Amino acid sequence: MHQHVIHSKQQVRSMRRGESLFPPIIVNFITGRTMIFHDAEGGSIRVAEDVTAEDANAIWIRRQFKQRVFNGDAQYQIASSSGSTYTVTLQNARWSCTCAGFGFRKRCRHLEQAKQQHK
């Protein structure tokens, strides 16, 4: 990384979008403001003082990951519209979700989204 280069708000907003489970974060160090990435490449860049978390989030794509468990079972981490993340599980041919809606109705949007990914 070229730590001596300070990226402007416009340069940050025009960067390629990166997919990861967590958004980039901006940290103020004594040596300057830095944006840290959590994608497969990792790394960090120096950014201007006016670069905000909103700018960092603009280049972030939330990764929806699927974790295989065993015997065809699977788990999915599904983001809700409110920003929460719920775990949808397929185990022994039965679906479940950790959201309150599933607890009441035994169905929810997260479950339907996981079923689409499972196909």
N, C-alpha and C. Protein backbone atom coordinates (compact mmCIF):
# COMPACT_ATOMS: atom_id res chain seq x y z
N MET A 1 0.84 -1.19 0.00
CA MET A 1 0.00 0.00 0.00
C MET A 1 0.88 1.25 0.00
N HIS A 2 0.39 2.28 -0.65
CA HIS A 2 1.09 3.55 -0.68
C HIS A 2 0.50 4.44 0.42
N GLN A 3 1.02 4.33 1.62
CA GLN A 3 0.46 5.04 2.76
C GLN A 3 0.65 6.56 2.67
N HIS A 4 1.58 7.03 1.84
CA HIS A 4 1.81 8.47 1.75
C HIS A 4 0.76 9.17 0.89
N VAL A 5 0.02 8.44 0.06
CA VAL A 5 -1.03 9.02 -0.77
C VAL A 5 -2.28 9.18 0.07
N ILE A 6 -2.87 10.36 0.05
CA ILE A 6 -4.12 10.60 0.77
C ILE A 6 -5.24 10.68 -0.25
N HIS A 7 -6.21 9.77 -0.14
CA HIS A 7 -7.31 9.68 -1.09
C HIS A 7 -8.43 10.65 -0.70
N SER A 8 -8.93 11.38 -1.69
CA SER A 8 -10.02 12.33 -1.46
C SER A 8 -11.36 11.61 -1.38
N LYS A 9 -12.37 12.35 -0.93
CA LYS A 9 -13.74 11.81 -0.88
C LYS A 9 -14.16 11.31 -2.26
N GLN A 10 -13.87 12.08 -3.31
CA GLN A 10 -14.24 11.69 -4.68
C GLN A 10 -13.51 10.43 -5.10
N GLN A 11 -12.23 10.31 -4.76
CA GLN A 11 -11.47 9.11 -5.12
C GLN A 11 -12.02 7.88 -4.40
N VAL A 12 -12.38 8.04 -3.14
CA VAL A 12 -12.94 6.91 -2.37
C VAL A 12 -14.26 6.48 -2.99
N ARG A 13 -15.13 7.45 -3.31
CA ARG A 13 -16.43 7.13 -3.89
C ARG A 13 -16.33 6.45 -5.25
N SER A 14 -15.21 6.64 -5.98
CA SER A 14 -15.08 6.05 -7.31
C SER A 14 -14.31 4.72 -7.29
N MET A 15 -13.92 4.24 -6.12
CA MET A 15 -13.20 2.97 -6.02
C MET A 15 -14.10 1.81 -6.40
N ARG A 16 -13.50 0.69 -6.78
CA ARG A 16 -14.28 -0.50 -7.10
C ARG A 16 -15.00 -0.95 -5.82
N ARG A 17 -16.18 -1.48 -6.01
CA ARG A 17 -16.96 -1.95 -4.86
C ARG A 17 -16.37 -3.27 -4.38
N GLY A 18 -16.21 -3.42 -3.07
CA GLY A 18 -15.66 -4.64 -2.49
C GLY A 18 -16.71 -5.41 -1.70
N GLU A 19 -16.70 -6.72 -1.85
CA GLU A 19 -17.66 -7.57 -1.15
C GLU A 19 -17.02 -8.15 0.09
N SER A 20 -17.68 -8.00 1.23
CA SER A 20 -17.18 -8.57 2.49
C SER A 20 -18.33 -8.65 3.48
N LEU A 21 -18.10 -9.38 4.57
CA LEU A 21 -19.13 -9.47 5.61
C LEU A 21 -19.24 -8.18 6.40
N PHE A 22 -18.16 -7.43 6.49
CA PHE A 22 -18.14 -6.20 7.28
C PHE A 22 -17.75 -5.02 6.41
N PRO A 23 -18.33 -3.85 6.67
CA PRO A 23 -17.98 -2.67 5.87
C PRO A 23 -16.58 -2.18 6.21
N PRO A 24 -15.99 -1.37 5.32
CA PRO A 24 -14.71 -0.76 5.66
C PRO A 24 -14.92 0.17 6.87
N ILE A 25 -13.91 0.36 7.65
CA ILE A 25 -14.01 1.28 8.78
C ILE A 25 -12.98 2.39 8.62
N ILE A 26 -13.28 3.53 9.20
CA ILE A 26 -12.36 4.66 9.16
C ILE A 26 -11.85 4.88 10.57
N VAL A 27 -10.53 4.94 10.67
CA VAL A 27 -9.88 5.08 11.97
C VAL A 27 -8.98 6.32 11.93
N ASN A 28 -9.03 7.12 12.99
CA ASN A 28 -8.15 8.28 13.09
C ASN A 28 -6.93 7.89 13.91
N PHE A 29 -5.79 7.80 13.24
CA PHE A 29 -4.52 7.53 13.91
C PHE A 29 -3.78 8.85 14.08
N ILE A 30 -2.77 8.87 14.89
CA ILE A 30 -1.94 10.05 15.05
C ILE A 30 -1.32 10.45 13.71
N THR A 31 -1.00 9.44 12.91
CA THR A 31 -0.36 9.68 11.61
C THR A 31 -1.35 10.06 10.52
N GLY A 32 -2.65 10.02 10.80
CA GLY A 32 -3.65 10.42 9.82
C GLY A 32 -4.85 9.50 9.80
N ARG A 33 -5.83 9.86 8.98
CA ARG A 33 -7.09 9.13 8.86
C ARG A 33 -6.89 7.96 7.90
N THR A 34 -7.35 6.76 8.30
CA THR A 34 -7.13 5.55 7.51
C THR A 34 -8.43 4.77 7.36
N MET A 35 -8.67 4.24 6.15
CA MET A 35 -9.82 3.36 5.92
C MET A 35 -9.28 1.94 5.81
N ILE A 36 -9.86 1.04 6.61
CA ILE A 36 -9.41 -0.35 6.66
C ILE A 36 -10.47 -1.23 6.02
N PHE A 37 -10.01 -2.13 5.13
CA PHE A 37 -10.91 -3.02 4.40
C PHE A 37 -10.93 -4.41 5.03
N HIS A 38 -12.09 -5.07 4.96
CA HIS A 38 -12.24 -6.41 5.51
C HIS A 38 -12.47 -7.46 4.44
N ASP A 39 -12.19 -7.14 3.19
CA ASP A 39 -12.42 -8.11 2.12
C ASP A 39 -11.25 -9.10 2.05
N ALA A 40 -11.27 -9.97 1.06
CA ALA A 40 -10.23 -11.01 0.95
C ALA A 40 -8.84 -10.41 0.80
N GLU A 41 -8.76 -9.25 0.15
CA GLU A 41 -7.46 -8.60 -0.03
C GLU A 41 -7.01 -7.85 1.22
N GLY A 42 -7.97 -7.42 2.04
CA GLY A 42 -7.64 -6.67 3.24
C GLY A 42 -6.95 -5.38 2.89
N GLY A 43 -6.16 -4.86 3.82
CA GLY A 43 -5.39 -3.67 3.55
C GLY A 43 -6.05 -2.41 4.05
N SER A 44 -5.40 -1.30 3.77
CA SER A 44 -5.90 0.00 4.20
C SER A 44 -5.35 1.08 3.28
N ILE A 45 -6.01 2.23 3.30
CA ILE A 45 -5.54 3.39 2.55
C ILE A 45 -5.68 4.63 3.43
N ARG A 46 -4.87 5.62 3.19
CA ARG A 46 -5.01 6.91 3.87
C ARG A 46 -6.11 7.67 3.16
N VAL A 47 -6.95 8.34 3.92
CA VAL A 47 -8.05 9.10 3.34
C VAL A 47 -8.07 10.51 3.92
N ALA A 48 -8.68 11.42 3.18
CA ALA A 48 -8.80 12.82 3.60
C ALA A 48 -9.71 12.94 4.82
N GLU A 49 -9.60 14.04 5.52
CA GLU A 49 -10.38 14.28 6.74
C GLU A 49 -11.88 14.30 6.50
N ASP A 50 -12.31 14.68 5.28
CA ASP A 50 -13.75 14.78 5.01
C ASP A 50 -14.38 13.46 4.56
N VAL A 51 -13.61 12.38 4.45
CA VAL A 51 -14.16 11.07 4.08
C VAL A 51 -14.90 10.51 5.29
N THR A 52 -16.15 10.08 5.07
CA THR A 52 -17.01 9.62 6.17
C THR A 52 -17.31 8.13 6.05
N ALA A 53 -17.94 7.60 7.08
CA ALA A 53 -18.38 6.20 7.07
C ALA A 53 -19.36 5.98 5.92
N GLU A 54 -20.17 6.98 5.62
CA GLU A 54 -21.12 6.88 4.50
C GLU A 54 -20.37 6.67 3.18
N ASP A 55 -19.25 7.37 3.01
CA ASP A 55 -18.43 7.19 1.80
C ASP A 55 -17.88 5.76 1.75
N ALA A 56 -17.41 5.27 2.88
CA ALA A 56 -16.88 3.90 2.94
C ALA A 56 -17.97 2.89 2.61
N ASN A 57 -19.16 3.09 3.15
CA ASN A 57 -20.27 2.16 2.90
C ASN A 57 -20.72 2.18 1.44
N ALA A 58 -20.49 3.30 0.75
CA ALA A 58 -20.90 3.42 -0.65
C ALA A 58 -20.12 2.46 -1.55
N ILE A 59 -18.94 2.03 -1.13
CA ILE A 59 -18.14 1.12 -1.96
C ILE A 59 -18.17 -0.31 -1.43
N TRP A 60 -19.07 -0.58 -0.49
CA TRP A 60 -19.13 -1.89 0.15
C TRP A 60 -20.34 -2.68 -0.33
N ILE A 61 -20.14 -3.96 -0.62
CA ILE A 61 -21.23 -4.88 -0.95
C ILE A 61 -21.26 -5.94 0.15
N ARG A 62 -22.40 -6.04 0.84
CA ARG A 62 -22.52 -7.02 1.92
C ARG A 62 -22.51 -8.43 1.34
N ARG A 63 -21.59 -9.25 1.81
CA ARG A 63 -21.50 -10.64 1.35
C ARG A 63 -22.56 -11.47 2.08
N GLN A 64 -23.36 -12.18 1.31
CA GLN A 64 -24.31 -13.15 1.85
C GLN A 64 -23.62 -14.50 1.76
N PHE A 65 -23.22 -15.03 2.89
CA PHE A 65 -22.46 -16.27 2.78
C PHE A 65 -23.28 -17.47 3.19
N LYS A 66 -22.92 -18.59 2.59
CA LYS A 66 -23.58 -19.86 2.85
C LYS A 66 -22.56 -20.79 3.45
N GLN A 67 -22.89 -21.36 4.57
CA GLN A 67 -21.97 -22.29 5.25
C GLN A 67 -22.61 -23.67 5.25
N ARG A 68 -21.99 -24.61 4.60
CA ARG A 68 -22.50 -25.98 4.60
C ARG A 68 -22.22 -26.61 5.95
N VAL A 69 -23.17 -27.32 6.49
CA VAL A 69 -23.01 -27.95 7.79
C VAL A 69 -22.73 -29.44 7.59
N PHE A 70 -23.74 -30.25 7.35
CA PHE A 70 -23.55 -31.68 7.10
C PHE A 70 -24.83 -32.26 6.54
N ASN A 71 -24.71 -33.40 5.85
CA ASN A 71 -25.86 -34.14 5.30
C ASN A 71 -26.84 -33.24 4.54
N GLY A 72 -26.33 -32.33 3.71
CA GLY A 72 -27.21 -31.46 2.94
C GLY A 72 -27.76 -30.30 3.74
N ASP A 73 -27.44 -30.22 5.03
CA ASP A 73 -27.90 -29.11 5.84
C ASP A 73 -27.08 -27.86 5.50
N ALA A 74 -27.63 -26.69 5.79
CA ALA A 74 -26.92 -25.45 5.47
C ALA A 74 -27.34 -24.35 6.43
N GLN A 75 -26.48 -23.33 6.55
CA GLN A 75 -26.79 -22.13 7.31
C GLN A 75 -26.52 -20.92 6.42
N TYR A 76 -27.37 -19.91 6.53
CA TYR A 76 -27.22 -18.68 5.77
C TYR A 76 -27.31 -17.50 6.72
N GLN A 77 -26.46 -16.50 6.52
CA GLN A 77 -26.55 -15.24 7.25
C GLN A 77 -27.27 -14.27 6.32
N ILE A 78 -28.47 -13.84 6.71
CA ILE A 78 -29.29 -12.99 5.84
C ILE A 78 -29.48 -11.64 6.52
N ALA A 79 -29.16 -10.58 5.79
CA ALA A 79 -29.32 -9.22 6.31
C ALA A 79 -30.77 -8.79 6.17
N SER A 80 -31.29 -8.15 7.20
CA SER A 80 -32.66 -7.64 7.16
C SER A 80 -32.65 -6.22 6.61
N SER A 81 -33.82 -5.69 6.34
CA SER A 81 -33.92 -4.32 5.83
C SER A 81 -33.53 -3.31 6.91
N SER A 82 -33.57 -3.71 8.18
CA SER A 82 -33.21 -2.80 9.28
C SER A 82 -31.71 -2.83 9.58
N GLY A 83 -30.97 -3.72 8.90
CA GLY A 83 -29.54 -3.80 9.12
C GLY A 83 -29.12 -4.94 10.05
N SER A 84 -30.07 -5.60 10.67
CA SER A 84 -29.75 -6.77 11.50
C SER A 84 -29.40 -7.95 10.60
N THR A 85 -28.73 -8.93 11.17
CA THR A 85 -28.41 -10.15 10.42
C THR A 85 -29.02 -11.33 11.15
N TYR A 86 -29.72 -12.19 10.42
CA TYR A 86 -30.36 -13.36 11.01
C TYR A 86 -29.77 -14.62 10.42
N THR A 87 -29.76 -15.69 11.20
CA THR A 87 -29.26 -16.97 10.74
C THR A 87 -30.44 -17.84 10.33
N VAL A 88 -30.44 -18.27 9.08
CA VAL A 88 -31.46 -19.19 8.58
C VAL A 88 -30.78 -20.55 8.43
N THR A 89 -31.39 -21.57 9.00
CA THR A 89 -30.79 -22.90 9.04
C THR A 89 -31.70 -23.92 8.37
N LEU A 90 -31.09 -24.79 7.58
CA LEU A 90 -31.77 -25.97 7.05
C LEU A 90 -31.12 -27.16 7.73
N GLN A 91 -31.90 -27.83 8.56
CA GLN A 91 -31.36 -28.98 9.29
C GLN A 91 -32.42 -30.08 9.32
N ASN A 92 -32.01 -31.27 8.91
CA ASN A 92 -32.92 -32.42 8.85
C ASN A 92 -34.18 -32.08 8.04
N ALA A 93 -33.96 -31.40 6.90
CA ALA A 93 -35.03 -31.03 5.97
C ALA A 93 -36.03 -30.03 6.57
N ARG A 94 -35.68 -29.34 7.66
CA ARG A 94 -36.55 -28.32 8.27
C ARG A 94 -35.82 -26.99 8.28
N TRP A 95 -36.55 -25.94 7.91
CA TRP A 95 -36.01 -24.59 7.88
C TRP A 95 -36.34 -23.86 9.18
N SER A 96 -35.41 -22.99 9.63
CA SER A 96 -35.70 -22.13 10.77
C SER A 96 -34.93 -20.82 10.60
N CYS A 97 -35.39 -19.78 11.29
CA CYS A 97 -34.75 -18.47 11.24
C CYS A 97 -34.72 -17.90 12.66
N THR A 98 -33.70 -17.11 12.95
CA THR A 98 -33.56 -16.55 14.30
C THR A 98 -34.36 -15.27 14.50
N CYS A 99 -35.10 -14.81 13.48
CA CYS A 99 -35.88 -13.57 13.63
C CYS A 99 -37.17 -13.83 14.42
N ALA A 100 -37.71 -12.76 14.99
CA ALA A 100 -38.94 -12.86 15.79
C ALA A 100 -40.13 -13.28 14.94
N GLY A 101 -40.18 -12.80 13.70
CA GLY A 101 -41.29 -13.15 12.81
C GLY A 101 -41.41 -14.64 12.60
N PHE A 102 -40.28 -15.32 12.42
CA PHE A 102 -40.32 -16.77 12.25
C PHE A 102 -40.81 -17.43 13.54
N GLY A 103 -40.43 -16.87 14.69
CA GLY A 103 -40.88 -17.42 15.96
C GLY A 103 -42.39 -17.39 16.10
N PHE A 104 -43.03 -16.36 15.53
CA PHE A 104 -44.48 -16.23 15.62
C PHE A 104 -45.21 -16.98 14.51
N ARG A 105 -44.71 -16.81 13.26
CA ARG A 105 -45.46 -17.31 12.10
C ARG A 105 -44.86 -18.55 11.44
N LYS A 106 -43.63 -18.91 11.81
CA LYS A 106 -42.91 -20.04 11.20
C LYS A 106 -42.64 -19.80 9.71
N ARG A 107 -42.60 -18.50 9.31
CA ARG A 107 -42.17 -18.10 7.97
C ARG A 107 -41.73 -16.63 8.05
N CYS A 108 -40.85 -16.25 7.12
CA CYS A 108 -40.35 -14.87 7.10
C CYS A 108 -39.65 -14.61 5.77
N ARG A 109 -39.32 -13.34 5.50
CA ARG A 109 -38.63 -12.97 4.26
C ARG A 109 -37.22 -13.56 4.22
N HIS A 110 -36.58 -13.65 5.37
CA HIS A 110 -35.20 -14.16 5.42
C HIS A 110 -35.17 -15.62 4.98
N LEU A 111 -36.18 -16.37 5.41
CA LEU A 111 -36.28 -17.78 5.05
C LEU A 111 -36.45 -17.93 3.54
N GLU A 112 -37.31 -17.10 2.95
CA GLU A 112 -37.54 -17.18 1.50
C GLU A 112 -36.28 -16.81 0.73
N GLN A 113 -35.53 -15.83 1.23
CA GLN A 113 -34.28 -15.43 0.57
C GLN A 113 -33.26 -16.56 0.65
N ALA A 114 -33.17 -17.23 1.79
CA ALA A 114 -32.23 -18.36 1.94
C ALA A 114 -32.62 -19.51 1.04
N LYS A 115 -33.91 -19.77 0.91
CA LYS A 115 -34.37 -20.84 0.04
C LYS A 115 -33.99 -20.56 -1.42
N GLN A 116 -34.06 -19.30 -1.84
CA GLN A 116 -33.66 -18.93 -3.20
C GLN A 116 -32.17 -19.17 -3.40
N GLN A 117 -31.36 -18.85 -2.38
CA GLN A 117 -29.91 -19.07 -2.48
C GLN A 117 -29.57 -20.55 -2.47
N HIS A 118 -30.38 -21.35 -1.80
CA HIS A 118 -30.12 -22.78 -1.63
C HIS A 118 -30.32 -23.58 -2.91
N LYS A 119 -31.13 -23.05 -3.82
CA LYS A 119 -31.45 -23.79 -5.05
C LYS A 119 -30.23 -24.12 -5.85
